[in-house]
Amino acid sequence: MVRIAMLSLAHMHAKEHIQQLRATEGAQIAAVWDDNPARGQAVAKELNVPFDDDLARVLARKDVDAVVVNTETCKHRTVLIAAAHAKKHIFTEKPVTITAAEADEVAREVKASGVKFMISLPERSRPTTLYMKQLIDEGTLGRITLARFRVSHAAALENWFKDDARWFVDEKQSGGGALFDIGCHTLDLMRWMLGEPASVTCKKANVTGAYPVDDNVVAIVEFKNKALGILDASYTQRCGPNFFELYGTEGCAVRGMPGSLVSYMTTKGSDGTSWLKPPKLPKSRPAPMDQWLAAIERNEPPHLTVDDARNLTHLLEAAYRSAREGREVKL
């Protein structure tokens, strides 16, 4: 049994993590900490577990093996390092930290502690994502020259971030707006699929004025293999698809076209002009939470590491620096 302390309920996905843990055999929520006592006490009462507003005391508990971190992103560095020093396994919401320097420090401390680490980036587990990666790895598309990924929703149009969630749109607490919050998923995928980035150029805008952060962003990443990645992230889309597109020297693949989860065309074994559908999608990988628990219980290697988390924050920081300074930023 992995006994887990919930560290804060600030993140909007915290209750989803609780539901997942409560439904998972072999996992037990043992305690709750929150620097907002009213919020934490309410959840602890619901779970019938102890609440403590002293982080050090919670991390010192003998009946806590691991922690799930749902604090505001600006507090991640302090909480994650404290958990690593206490030898508690760590699951954290994304991004791992706001700054690259903090991410480097967290990565060092996690590695030195030997604890199992996982970050919540579920996109890497989905069958359609895995199939797009499979097409790259098998050479079906040839050499990848361009990727274009869009991720968007209507948060700024429909006032999603209010009350306890208002910190999401306070740059000092969250790190940024649409790019930092949801664009991080596609930046991570782009790096995973295309390799090491060489530079990034970013333009961010505030279209709605609903929140004092970026709500409409485009970033162009040049990779060391000369591929280009175009990412757009937005809080201003009420309807329409979020396309994932890959283009290579022998074909292309698109996720999100009407009538198909993935469509692709290739000159390898085909005429290169007809859209094809996967004969079968890969099985889902376990969700990040399940990978983390398997790493703790059975020492199974996870597909996401603390280095992936650190690398994502480096790329995010470079993108925001590019937008602020109006220039390409080398990595």
Protein backbone atom coordinates (compact mmCIF):
# COMPACT_ATOMS: atom_id res chain seq x y z
CA MET A 1 0.00 0.00 0.00
CA VAL A 2 1.40 3.38 -1.06
CA ARG A 3 0.33 5.96 1.53
CA ILE A 4 0.04 9.41 0.03
CA ALA A 5 -0.23 12.97 1.35
CA MET A 6 -2.10 15.49 -0.78
CA LEU A 7 -0.03 18.66 -0.74
CA SER A 8 -2.48 21.51 -1.40
CA LEU A 9 -5.77 21.58 -3.27
CA ALA A 10 -4.92 24.76 -5.20
CA HIS A 11 -4.76 23.14 -8.64
CA MET A 12 -8.03 22.53 -10.46
CA HIS A 13 -6.97 18.93 -11.17
CA ALA A 14 -6.37 18.12 -7.49
CA LYS A 15 -9.81 16.59 -7.03
CA GLU A 16 -9.31 14.46 -10.15
CA HIS A 17 -6.10 13.12 -8.63
CA ILE A 18 -7.97 12.32 -5.43
CA GLN A 19 -10.66 10.46 -7.35
CA GLN A 20 -8.06 8.47 -9.24
CA LEU A 21 -6.19 7.52 -6.07
CA ARG A 22 -9.37 6.52 -4.26
CA ALA A 23 -10.24 4.23 -7.17
CA THR A 24 -6.78 2.65 -7.28
CA GLU A 25 -6.06 -0.53 -5.39
CA GLY A 26 -2.77 -0.22 -3.57
CA ALA A 27 -3.01 3.54 -3.01
CA GLN A 28 -4.31 5.28 0.09
CA ILE A 29 -4.58 8.98 0.90
CA ALA A 30 -3.15 9.30 4.40
CA ALA A 31 -3.03 13.06 5.06
CA VAL A 32 -3.70 16.50 3.61
CA TRP A 33 -1.57 19.65 3.82
CA ASP A 34 -2.60 23.05 2.53
CA ASP A 35 -1.43 26.57 3.30
CA ASN A 36 -5.09 27.52 2.92
CA PRO A 37 -6.42 25.75 6.04
CA ALA A 38 -10.11 26.14 5.24
CA ARG A 39 -9.66 24.56 1.82
CA GLY A 40 -7.46 21.74 3.11
CA GLN A 41 -9.57 20.99 6.16
CA ALA A 42 -12.71 20.63 4.07
CA VAL A 43 -11.09 18.02 1.82
CA ALA A 44 -9.43 16.20 4.72
CA LYS A 45 -12.80 15.95 6.45
CA GLU A 46 -14.36 14.57 3.28
CA LEU A 47 -11.58 11.98 3.02
CA ASN A 48 -11.61 11.26 6.77
CA VAL A 49 -7.86 11.77 7.05
CA PRO A 50 -5.73 14.12 9.19
CA PHE A 51 -5.15 17.72 8.10
CA ASP A 52 -2.00 19.66 8.99
CA ASP A 53 -0.96 23.14 7.90
CA ASP A 54 2.68 22.43 8.79
CA LEU A 55 4.43 21.01 5.72
CA ALA A 56 7.46 19.74 7.65
CA ARG A 57 5.22 17.79 10.02
CA VAL A 58 3.35 16.15 7.17
CA LEU A 59 6.57 15.21 5.40
CA ALA A 60 7.92 13.72 8.63
CA ARG A 61 4.95 11.39 9.05
CA LYS A 62 5.89 7.70 9.10
CA ASP A 63 2.57 6.80 7.49
CA VAL A 64 3.31 8.90 4.38
CA ASP A 65 5.38 7.30 1.61
CA ALA A 66 4.62 9.71 -1.22
CA VAL A 67 3.09 13.07 -2.07
CA VAL A 68 0.91 14.55 -4.78
CA VAL A 69 1.76 18.23 -5.29
CA ASN A 70 -1.07 20.53 -6.36
CA THR A 71 0.20 23.88 -5.11
CA GLU A 72 0.41 27.06 -7.15
CA THR A 73 3.36 26.63 -9.54
CA CYS A 74 5.38 29.36 -7.79
CA LYS A 75 5.52 27.12 -4.69
CA HIS A 76 6.63 23.97 -6.50
CA ARG A 77 10.36 24.48 -5.98
CA THR A 78 10.05 24.75 -2.19
CA VAL A 79 7.55 21.91 -1.79
CA LEU A 80 9.23 19.52 -4.24
CA ILE A 81 12.68 19.94 -2.71
CA ALA A 82 11.28 19.51 0.81
CA ALA A 83 9.56 16.28 -0.30
CA ALA A 84 12.75 15.00 -1.94
CA HIS A 85 14.76 15.72 1.24
CA ALA A 86 12.14 13.83 3.23
CA LYS A 87 12.52 10.85 0.85
CA LYS A 88 8.89 10.97 -0.25
CA HIS A 89 8.04 9.86 -3.78
CA ILE A 90 6.71 12.77 -5.85
CA PHE A 91 3.84 13.26 -8.28
CA THR A 92 3.44 16.86 -9.37
CA GLU A 93 1.20 18.96 -11.52
CA LYS A 94 2.83 20.69 -14.47
CA PRO A 95 4.98 22.59 -15.17
CA VAL A 96 7.52 21.46 -12.60
CA THR A 97 8.65 25.03 -11.82
CA ILE A 98 8.39 28.52 -13.26
CA THR A 99 12.09 29.12 -13.95
CA ALA A 100 14.78 26.98 -15.54
CA ALA A 101 17.11 27.54 -12.57
CA GLU A 102 14.45 26.17 -10.21
CA ALA A 103 13.86 23.20 -12.52
CA ASP A 104 17.58 22.40 -12.52
CA GLU A 105 17.62 22.51 -8.72
CA VAL A 106 14.56 20.26 -8.41
CA ALA A 107 16.03 17.75 -10.88
CA ARG A 108 19.30 17.59 -8.91
CA GLU A 109 17.53 17.08 -5.59
CA VAL A 110 15.14 14.45 -6.94
CA LYS A 111 18.00 12.46 -8.45
CA ALA A 112 20.07 12.73 -5.28
CA SER A 113 17.14 11.56 -3.13
CA GLY A 114 16.40 8.47 -5.20
CA VAL A 115 12.63 9.00 -4.95
CA LYS A 116 10.27 8.10 -7.78
CA PHE A 117 9.12 11.17 -9.69
CA MET A 118 6.27 11.80 -12.10
CA ILE A 119 4.81 14.91 -13.73
CA SER A 120 1.25 15.14 -15.00
CA LEU A 121 1.64 15.17 -18.79
CA PRO A 122 -1.01 12.64 -19.87
CA GLU A 123 -0.83 13.42 -23.60
CA ARG A 124 2.12 11.03 -23.98
CA SER A 125 -0.08 8.12 -22.89
CA ARG A 126 -2.86 8.50 -25.47
CA PRO A 127 -3.20 6.01 -28.35
CA THR A 128 -3.40 8.68 -31.06
CA THR A 129 -0.25 10.38 -29.78
CA LEU A 130 1.54 7.05 -29.61
CA TYR A 131 0.53 6.28 -33.19
CA MET A 132 1.88 9.62 -34.43
CA LYS A 133 5.17 8.81 -32.67
CA GLN A 134 5.12 5.31 -34.18
CA LEU A 135 4.82 6.76 -37.69
CA ILE A 136 7.94 8.84 -37.01
CA ASP A 137 9.92 5.99 -35.45
CA GLU A 138 9.08 3.54 -38.24
CA GLY A 139 10.07 6.03 -40.93
CA THR A 140 6.62 6.02 -42.54
CA LEU A 141 6.73 9.78 -42.97
CA GLY A 142 10.41 9.96 -43.90
CA ARG A 143 12.47 12.67 -42.27
CA ILE A 144 10.22 15.01 -40.29
CA THR A 145 10.57 18.59 -41.50
CA LEU A 146 7.63 20.30 -39.79
CA ALA A 147 5.25 19.76 -36.90
CA ARG A 148 2.28 21.98 -36.15
CA PHE A 149 0.33 21.48 -32.93
CA ARG A 150 -2.63 23.49 -31.65
CA VAL A 151 -4.11 23.39 -28.16
CA SER A 152 -6.90 25.75 -27.20
CA HIS A 153 -10.13 26.23 -25.31
CA ALA A 154 -12.48 29.01 -24.23
CA ALA A 155 -11.08 29.89 -20.78
CA ALA A 156 -10.74 33.63 -21.45
CA LEU A 157 -14.05 33.85 -23.27
CA GLU A 158 -15.99 32.05 -20.55
CA ASN A 159 -14.19 33.24 -17.39
CA TRP A 160 -13.01 29.81 -16.26
CA PHE A 161 -10.43 31.10 -13.77
CA LYS A 162 -12.12 32.64 -10.77
CA ASP A 163 -12.20 32.36 -6.99
CA ASP A 164 -9.61 29.76 -5.87
CA ALA A 165 -8.52 29.22 -9.49
CA ARG A 166 -7.68 32.89 -10.07
CA TRP A 167 -3.99 32.21 -9.41
CA PHE A 168 -3.81 30.43 -12.80
CA VAL A 169 -3.90 33.86 -14.46
CA ASP A 170 -1.49 35.60 -12.09
CA GLU A 171 1.86 35.30 -13.87
CA LYS A 172 3.86 35.51 -10.65
CA GLN A 173 2.03 32.49 -9.26
CA SER A 174 1.43 30.42 -12.40
CA GLY A 175 4.32 31.36 -14.68
CA GLY A 176 2.16 32.59 -17.56
CA GLY A 177 -1.09 32.16 -19.42
CA ALA A 178 -2.17 29.94 -22.30
CA LEU A 179 1.34 28.91 -23.33
CA PHE A 180 2.46 28.02 -19.81
CA ASP A 181 -0.78 26.36 -18.80
CA ILE A 182 -1.86 24.31 -21.83
CA GLY A 183 0.89 24.94 -24.40
CA CYS A 184 3.26 23.06 -22.11
CA HIS A 185 1.57 19.80 -23.19
CA THR A 186 2.28 20.34 -26.87
CA LEU A 187 5.76 21.77 -26.30
CA ASP A 188 6.59 18.57 -24.44
CA LEU A 189 5.17 16.44 -27.27
CA MET A 190 7.06 18.41 -29.89
CA ARG A 191 10.35 17.90 -28.09
CA TRP A 192 9.59 14.20 -27.56
CA MET A 193 8.79 13.68 -31.25
CA LEU A 194 11.34 15.97 -32.92
CA GLY A 195 14.33 15.88 -30.56
CA GLU A 196 16.60 18.51 -29.07
CA PRO A 197 15.54 22.13 -29.67
CA ALA A 198 18.05 24.66 -30.96
CA SER A 199 16.08 27.90 -30.65
CA VAL A 200 12.62 29.34 -30.11
CA THR A 201 10.81 32.43 -31.38
CA CYS A 202 7.53 33.35 -29.71
CA LYS A 203 4.81 35.95 -30.06
CA LYS A 204 2.18 36.29 -27.36
CA ALA A 205 -0.92 38.46 -27.21
CA ASN A 206 -3.79 39.33 -24.92
CA VAL A 207 -6.86 39.37 -27.16
CA THR A 208 -9.75 39.42 -24.69
CA GLY A 209 -8.39 41.43 -21.78
CA ALA A 210 -10.16 38.97 -19.49
CA TYR A 211 -6.98 38.16 -17.61
CA PRO A 212 -3.57 39.87 -17.34
CA VAL A 213 -1.72 37.02 -19.10
CA ASP A 214 -1.23 35.73 -22.63
CA ASP A 215 -4.42 34.26 -24.04
CA ASN A 216 -3.25 33.76 -27.65
CA VAL A 217 0.28 32.58 -28.47
CA VAL A 218 2.36 31.25 -31.34
CA ALA A 219 5.83 29.75 -30.90
CA ILE A 220 8.24 28.48 -33.56
CA VAL A 221 10.86 26.01 -32.42
CA GLU A 222 13.87 25.11 -34.56
CA PHE A 223 15.27 21.71 -33.68
CA LYS A 224 18.87 20.60 -33.95
CA ASN A 225 17.89 18.20 -36.75
CA LYS A 226 16.61 21.28 -38.70
CA ALA A 227 12.93 20.37 -38.29
CA LEU A 228 10.61 23.22 -37.40
CA GLY A 229 7.78 23.10 -34.88
CA ILE A 230 4.88 25.54 -34.87
CA LEU A 231 2.83 25.63 -31.71
CA ASP A 232 -0.23 27.74 -31.02
CA ALA A 233 -1.99 27.90 -27.68
CA SER A 234 -5.12 29.88 -26.93
CA TYR A 235 -7.78 30.61 -24.36
CA THR A 236 -9.98 32.13 -27.10
CA GLN A 237 -11.48 29.16 -28.99
CA ARG A 238 -15.09 28.13 -28.37
CA CYS A 239 -15.26 25.57 -31.15
CA GLY A 240 -13.11 23.89 -33.77
CA PRO A 241 -10.44 21.19 -33.73
CA ASN A 242 -7.08 21.12 -32.03
CA PHE A 243 -5.00 19.70 -34.88
CA PHE A 244 -1.71 17.85 -34.50
CA GLU A 245 0.13 17.75 -37.82
CA LEU A 246 3.39 16.09 -38.88
CA TYR A 247 5.03 16.61 -42.29
CA GLY A 248 7.99 14.64 -43.58
CA THR A 249 9.89 13.92 -46.77
CA GLU A 250 7.73 10.82 -47.46
CA GLY A 251 4.36 11.67 -46.01
CA CYS A 252 2.26 13.47 -43.45
CA ALA A 253 -0.06 12.67 -40.53
CA VAL A 254 -2.89 14.65 -38.97
CA ARG A 255 -4.76 14.10 -35.75
CA GLY A 256 -8.16 15.75 -35.50
CA MET A 257 -9.57 15.50 -39.02
CA PRO A 258 -13.33 14.85 -39.19
CA GLY A 259 -14.17 11.16 -39.30
CA SER A 260 -10.80 9.84 -38.17
CA LEU A 261 -8.72 9.93 -35.02
CA VAL A 262 -5.54 9.88 -37.14
CA SER A 263 -5.18 10.21 -40.91
CA TYR A 264 -1.92 9.90 -42.82
CA MET A 265 -0.50 9.55 -46.29
CA THR A 266 2.85 8.17 -47.35
CA THR A 267 4.85 7.24 -50.42
CA LYS A 268 6.08 4.11 -48.65
CA GLY A 269 3.85 1.30 -49.86
CA SER A 270 1.18 3.73 -51.07
CA ASP A 271 0.63 6.29 -53.81
CA GLY A 272 1.31 9.22 -51.50
CA THR A 273 -1.97 10.92 -52.43
CA SER A 274 -4.60 8.90 -50.55
CA TRP A 275 -5.50 9.39 -46.91
CA LEU A 276 -4.99 6.24 -44.85
CA LYS A 277 -6.27 5.27 -41.43
CA PRO A 278 -4.41 3.24 -38.80
CA PRO A 279 -5.30 -0.44 -39.01
CA LYS A 280 -5.11 -0.43 -35.22
CA LEU A 281 -4.11 2.18 -32.67
CA PRO A 282 -1.60 1.25 -29.97
CA LYS A 283 -2.88 0.56 -26.50
CA SER A 284 -2.89 3.47 -24.11
CA ARG A 285 0.09 3.69 -21.86
CA PRO A 286 -0.81 3.80 -18.18
CA ALA A 287 -1.79 7.27 -17.01
CA PRO A 288 1.03 9.24 -15.34
CA MET A 289 -0.40 8.53 -11.89
CA ASP A 290 -0.48 4.79 -12.60
CA GLN A 291 3.06 4.85 -13.98
CA TRP A 292 4.21 6.57 -10.81
CA LEU A 293 2.55 4.03 -8.53
CA ALA A 294 4.01 1.16 -10.59
CA ALA A 295 7.47 2.72 -10.23
CA ILE A 296 7.04 2.90 -6.45
CA GLU A 297 5.53 -0.56 -6.00
CA ARG A 298 7.37 -2.59 -8.64
CA ASN A 299 10.26 -0.36 -9.74
CA GLU A 300 8.83 -0.18 -13.26
CA PRO A 301 10.54 2.59 -15.26
CA PRO A 302 8.17 5.45 -16.07
CA HIS A 303 7.96 6.99 -19.54
CA LEU A 304 8.31 10.51 -18.13
CA THR A 305 11.27 11.57 -16.01
CA VAL A 306 12.40 14.54 -13.99
CA ASP A 307 14.68 15.42 -16.93
CA ASP A 308 11.61 15.69 -19.18
CA ALA A 309 10.04 18.03 -16.61
CA ARG A 310 13.20 20.13 -16.40
CA ASN A 311 13.61 20.32 -20.18
CA LEU A 312 10.03 21.51 -20.61
CA THR A 313 10.53 24.40 -18.19
CA HIS A 314 13.73 25.40 -20.01
CA LEU A 315 11.80 25.57 -23.29
CA LEU A 316 8.92 27.50 -21.72
CA GLU A 317 11.27 30.04 -20.17
CA ALA A 318 13.03 30.55 -23.49
CA ALA A 319 9.70 31.05 -25.29
CA TYR A 320 8.57 33.72 -22.84
CA ARG A 321 11.94 35.45 -23.02
CA SER A 322 11.62 35.52 -26.80
CA ALA A 323 8.17 37.11 -26.57
CA ARG A 324 9.33 39.72 -24.04
CA GLU A 325 12.48 40.65 -25.92
CA GLY A 326 11.14 40.29 -29.47
CA ARG A 327 13.94 38.02 -30.67
CA GLU A 328 14.98 34.43 -31.29
CA VAL A 329 16.34 32.74 -28.17
CA LYS A 330 19.00 30.09 -28.55
CA LEU A 331 18.90 26.97 -26.38
